[in-house]
Amino acid sequence: MTEAIFGLVGVIIGALISGVTNFILEKRKEYLAARVAARLVRDELYITTIWIEDLLSAENIREEQFNKIMARTSTDSWPNQRTHLAAALNYKEFANASIAVEAVNNFKYWLDSKHAVSNLESKDRSFLTNNLENLRPGLEALKEVAK
């Protein structure tokens, strides 16, 4: 009878250890997926931030610079990574990341409508400044997860 009790206790302890181990491994997998997602999306947002800052500081915009910006501005990783980020970020952080992605999309639309211009008008500067302000909170939210 004692052997049966020890056997049962061993099975229960083994099941608990297995369950806890699987839980920890699953949480680690989710954490790593969110970290990779944050790095991918943040990289795209950061590149766009640099482009906008360059445009705002430039006195003249050359056509080749404009074309380079158009080719490198992207939110391609967002659709595939947003689920991982939604699980890792709180509501406000995820909203900030979503707003930042939308700012990149607005910037892309603006680029498509402008083609090459030599000087930015005040309304263009205002638009770019607003987009920059929408990008920064998203970058900060993703920075913590990306570390």
C-alpha atoms as a PDB file:
ATOM      1  CA  MET A   1       0.000   0.000   0.000  1.00  0.00           C
ATOM      2  CA  THR A   2       2.826   2.388   0.859  1.00  0.00           C
ATOM      3  CA  GLU A   3       4.443   1.717  -2.519  1.00  0.00           C
ATOM      4  CA  ALA A   4       1.207   2.647  -4.285  1.00  0.00           C
ATOM      5  CA  ILE A   5       1.001   5.917  -2.369  1.00  0.00           C
ATOM      6  CA  PHE A   6       4.617   6.787  -3.216  1.00  0.00           C
ATOM      7  CA  GLY A   7       3.936   5.883  -6.854  1.00  0.00           C
ATOM      8  CA  LEU A   8       0.867   8.125  -6.937  1.00  0.00           C
ATOM      9  CA  VAL A   9       2.742  11.001  -5.291  1.00  0.00           C
ATOM     10  CA  GLY A  10       5.555  10.549  -7.846  1.00  0.00           C
ATOM     11  CA  VAL A  11       3.086  10.712 -10.730  1.00  0.00           C
ATOM     12  CA  ILE A  12       1.455  13.846  -9.312  1.00  0.00           C
ATOM     13  CA  ILE A  13       4.809  15.568  -8.742  1.00  0.00           C
ATOM     14  CA  GLY A  14       5.964  14.565 -12.229  1.00  0.00           C
ATOM     15  CA  ALA A  15       2.773  15.977 -13.770  1.00  0.00           C
ATOM     16  CA  LEU A  16       3.189  19.239 -11.839  1.00  0.00           C
ATOM     17  CA  ILE A  17       6.821  19.602 -12.905  1.00  0.00           C
ATOM     18  CA  SER A  18       5.893  18.865 -16.505  1.00  0.00           C
ATOM     19  CA  GLY A  19       3.011  21.363 -16.439  1.00  0.00           C
ATOM     20  CA  VAL A  20       5.098  24.133 -14.884  1.00  0.00           C
ATOM     21  CA  THR A  21       7.935  23.492 -17.337  1.00  0.00           C
ATOM     22  CA  ASN A  22       5.567  23.636 -20.320  1.00  0.00           C
ATOM     23  CA  PHE A  23       4.003  26.832 -18.971  1.00  0.00           C
ATOM     24  CA  ILE A  24       7.400  28.505 -18.551  1.00  0.00           C
ATOM     25  CA  LEU A  25       8.550  27.432 -22.009  1.00  0.00           C
ATOM     26  CA  GLU A  26       5.344  28.730 -23.592  1.00  0.00           C
ATOM     27  CA  LYS A  27       5.661  32.094 -21.821  1.00  0.00           C
ATOM     28  CA  ARG A  28       9.295  32.348 -22.936  1.00  0.00           C
ATOM     29  CA  LYS A  29       8.259  31.571 -26.522  1.00  0.00           C
ATOM     30  CA  GLU A  30       5.598  34.309 -26.402  1.00  0.00           C
ATOM     31  CA  TYR A  31       8.101  36.774 -24.921  1.00  0.00           C
ATOM     32  CA  LEU A  32      10.649  36.056 -27.648  1.00  0.00           C
ATOM     33  CA  ALA A  33       8.007  36.364 -30.389  1.00  0.00           C
ATOM     34  CA  ALA A  34       6.934  39.748 -29.000  1.00  0.00           C
ATOM     35  CA  ARG A  35      10.553  40.880 -28.743  1.00  0.00           C
ATOM     36  CA  VAL A  36      11.262  39.979 -32.362  1.00  0.00           C
ATOM     37  CA  ALA A  37       8.003  41.624 -33.472  1.00  0.00           C
ATOM     38  CA  ALA A  38       8.841  44.824 -31.605  1.00  0.00           C
ATOM     39  CA  ARG A  39      12.299  44.940 -33.161  1.00  0.00           C
ATOM     40  CA  LEU A  40      10.971  44.459 -36.696  1.00  0.00           C
ATOM     41  CA  VAL A  41       8.185  47.033 -36.436  1.00  0.00           C
ATOM     42  CA  ARG A  42      10.346  49.504 -34.502  1.00  0.00           C
ATOM     43  CA  ASP A  43      13.026  49.329 -37.168  1.00  0.00           C
ATOM     44  CA  GLU A  44      10.531  50.374 -39.850  1.00  0.00           C
ATOM     45  CA  LEU A  45       9.148  53.172 -37.680  1.00  0.00           C
ATOM     46  CA  TYR A  46      12.627  54.378 -36.785  1.00  0.00           C
ATOM     47  CA  ILE A  47      13.738  54.540 -40.427  1.00  0.00           C
ATOM     48  CA  THR A  48      10.689  56.632 -41.271  1.00  0.00           C
ATOM     49  CA  THR A  49      11.396  58.915 -38.299  1.00  0.00           C
ATOM     50  CA  ILE A  50      14.906  59.526 -39.612  1.00  0.00           C
ATOM     51  CA  TRP A  51      13.569  60.265 -43.107  1.00  0.00           C
ATOM     52  CA  ILE A  52      11.063  62.789 -41.768  1.00  0.00           C
ATOM     53  CA  GLU A  53      13.711  64.478 -39.635  1.00  0.00           C
ATOM     54  CA  ASP A  54      15.996  64.662 -42.684  1.00  0.00           C
ATOM     55  CA  LEU A  55      13.241  66.198 -44.796  1.00  0.00           C
ATOM     56  CA  LEU A  56      12.432  68.764 -42.129  1.00  0.00           C
ATOM     57  CA  SER A  57      16.059  69.798 -41.770  1.00  0.00           C
ATOM     58  CA  ALA A  58      16.825  69.912 -45.509  1.00  0.00           C
ATOM     59  CA  GLU A  59      16.665  73.191 -47.337  1.00  0.00           C
ATOM     60  CA  ASN A  60      16.278  71.480 -50.715  1.00  0.00           C
ATOM     61  CA  ILE A  61      15.111  67.980 -51.501  1.00  0.00           C
ATOM     62  CA  ARG A  62      16.766  66.262 -54.419  1.00  0.00           C
ATOM     63  CA  GLU A  63      14.759  63.855 -56.529  1.00  0.00           C
ATOM     64  CA  GLU A  64      17.098  60.921 -55.804  1.00  0.00           C
ATOM     65  CA  GLN A  65      16.690  61.556 -52.062  1.00  0.00           C
ATOM     66  CA  PHE A  66      12.934  61.576 -52.483  1.00  0.00           C
ATOM     67  CA  ASN A  67      13.010  58.319 -54.461  1.00  0.00           C
ATOM     68  CA  LYS A  68      15.251  56.689 -51.856  1.00  0.00           C
ATOM     69  CA  ILE A  69      12.840  57.667 -49.093  1.00  0.00           C
ATOM     70  CA  MET A  70       9.884  56.297 -51.066  1.00  0.00           C
ATOM     71  CA  ALA A  71      11.653  52.979 -51.603  1.00  0.00           C
ATOM     72  CA  ARG A  72      12.652  52.519 -47.943  1.00  0.00           C
ATOM     73  CA  THR A  73       9.454  53.622 -46.177  1.00  0.00           C
ATOM     74  CA  SER A  74       7.465  50.592 -45.117  1.00  0.00           C
ATOM     75  CA  THR A  75       5.065  49.034 -42.627  1.00  0.00           C
ATOM     76  CA  ASP A  76       5.316  45.563 -44.152  1.00  0.00           C
ATOM     77  CA  SER A  77       6.030  43.766 -40.880  1.00  0.00           C
ATOM     78  CA  TRP A  78       3.048  45.237 -38.977  1.00  0.00           C
ATOM     79  CA  PRO A  79       0.278  42.907 -40.251  1.00  0.00           C
ATOM     80  CA  ASN A  80       2.241  39.788 -39.299  1.00  0.00           C
ATOM     81  CA  GLN A  81       3.625  41.095 -35.997  1.00  0.00           C
ATOM     82  CA  ARG A  82       0.724  42.998 -34.476  1.00  0.00           C
ATOM     83  CA  THR A  83      -0.771  39.922 -32.791  1.00  0.00           C
ATOM     84  CA  HIS A  84       2.461  39.300 -30.887  1.00  0.00           C
ATOM     85  CA  LEU A  85       2.620  42.969 -29.918  1.00  0.00           C
ATOM     86  CA  ALA A  86      -1.016  43.067 -28.830  1.00  0.00           C
ATOM     87  CA  ALA A  87      -0.251  40.270 -26.370  1.00  0.00           C
ATOM     88  CA  ALA A  88       2.863  41.985 -24.989  1.00  0.00           C
ATOM     89  CA  LEU A  89       1.848  45.655 -24.827  1.00  0.00           C
ATOM     90  CA  ASN A  90      -0.756  47.275 -22.629  1.00  0.00           C
ATOM     91  CA  TYR A  91      -3.666  49.034 -24.318  1.00  0.00           C
ATOM     92  CA  LYS A  92      -2.067  52.496 -24.448  1.00  0.00           C
ATOM     93  CA  GLU A  93       1.281  51.188 -25.718  1.00  0.00           C
ATOM     94  CA  PHE A  94      -0.418  49.157 -28.436  1.00  0.00           C
ATOM     95  CA  ALA A  95      -2.530  52.169 -29.417  1.00  0.00           C
ATOM     96  CA  ASN A  96       0.635  54.284 -29.647  1.00  0.00           C
ATOM     97  CA  ALA A  97       2.268  51.651 -31.860  1.00  0.00           C
ATOM     98  CA  SER A  98      -0.844  51.525 -34.082  1.00  0.00           C
ATOM     99  CA  ILE A  99      -0.909  55.312 -34.376  1.00  0.00           C
ATOM    100  CA  ALA A 100       2.777  55.299 -35.297  1.00  0.00           C
ATOM    101  CA  VAL A 101       2.169  52.741 -38.043  1.00  0.00           C
ATOM    102  CA  GLU A 102      -0.675  54.877 -39.349  1.00  0.00           C
ATOM    103  CA  ALA A 103       1.666  57.901 -39.332  1.00  0.00           C
ATOM    104  CA  VAL A 104       4.056  55.942 -41.564  1.00  0.00           C
ATOM    105  CA  ASN A 105       1.194  55.057 -43.892  1.00  0.00           C
ATOM    106  CA  ASN A 106       0.145  58.726 -44.009  1.00  0.00           C
ATOM    107  CA  PHE A 107       3.747  59.681 -44.770  1.00  0.00           C
ATOM    108  CA  LYS A 108       3.853  57.126 -47.603  1.00  0.00           C
ATOM    109  CA  TYR A 109       0.638  58.558 -49.017  1.00  0.00           C
ATOM    110  CA  TRP A 110       2.091  62.062 -48.768  1.00  0.00           C
ATOM    111  CA  LEU A 111       5.252  60.911 -50.555  1.00  0.00           C
ATOM    112  CA  ASP A 112       3.198  59.382 -53.360  1.00  0.00           C
ATOM    113  CA  SER A 113       1.236  62.595 -53.799  1.00  0.00           C
ATOM    114  CA  LYS A 114       4.278  64.884 -53.739  1.00  0.00           C
ATOM    115  CA  HIS A 115       6.742  63.154 -55.994  1.00  0.00           C
ATOM    116  CA  ALA A 116       9.862  65.319 -55.974  1.00  0.00           C
ATOM    117  CA  VAL A 117       9.741  68.856 -54.632  1.00  0.00           C
ATOM    118  CA  SER A 118      12.562  71.301 -54.196  1.00  0.00           C
ATOM    119  CA  ASN A 119      11.242  73.024 -51.068  1.00  0.00           C
ATOM    120  CA  LEU A 120       8.700  72.080 -48.446  1.00  0.00           C
ATOM    121  CA  GLU A 121       5.776  74.413 -47.931  1.00  0.00           C
ATOM    122  CA  SER A 122       4.669  75.314 -44.411  1.00  0.00           C
ATOM    123  CA  LYS A 123       1.674  72.943 -44.622  1.00  0.00           C
ATOM    124  CA  ASP A 124       4.076  70.123 -45.602  1.00  0.00           C
ATOM    125  CA  ARG A 125       6.334  70.949 -42.662  1.00  0.00           C
ATOM    126  CA  SER A 126       3.332  70.970 -40.347  1.00  0.00           C
ATOM    127  CA  PHE A 127       2.158  67.613 -41.698  1.00  0.00           C
ATOM    128  CA  LEU A 128       5.619  66.087 -41.272  1.00  0.00           C
ATOM    129  CA  THR A 129       5.975  67.496 -37.762  1.00  0.00           C
ATOM    130  CA  ASN A 130       2.602  66.019 -36.759  1.00  0.00           C
ATOM    131  CA  ASN A 131       3.597  62.642 -38.163  1.00  0.00           C
ATOM    132  CA  LEU A 132       6.861  62.804 -36.259  1.00  0.00           C
ATOM    133  CA  GLU A 133       4.939  63.524 -33.048  1.00  0.00           C
ATOM    134  CA  ASN A 134       2.733  60.480 -33.725  1.00  0.00           C
ATOM    135  CA  LEU A 135       5.745  58.249 -34.376  1.00  0.00           C
ATOM    136  CA  ARG A 136       7.697  58.946 -31.191  1.00  0.00           C
ATOM    137  CA  PRO A 137       5.287  57.436 -28.606  1.00  0.00           C
ATOM    138  CA  GLY A 138       5.041  54.270 -30.715  1.00  0.00           C
ATOM    139  CA  LEU A 139       8.817  54.025 -30.874  1.00  0.00           C
ATOM    140  CA  GLU A 140       9.027  54.373 -27.087  1.00  0.00           C
ATOM    141  CA  ALA A 141       6.352  51.731 -26.482  1.00  0.00           C
ATOM    142  CA  LEU A 142       8.114  49.247 -28.738  1.00  0.00           C
ATOM    143  CA  LYS A 143      11.532  50.050 -27.314  1.00  0.00           C
ATOM    144  CA  GLU A 144      10.708  48.443 -23.964  1.00  0.00           C
ATOM    145  CA  VAL A 145       9.550  45.198 -25.556  1.00  0.00           C
ATOM    146  CA  ALA A 146      12.439  45.141 -28.052  1.00  0.00           C
ATOM    147  CA  LYS A 147      15.127  45.215 -25.338  1.00  0.00           C
END
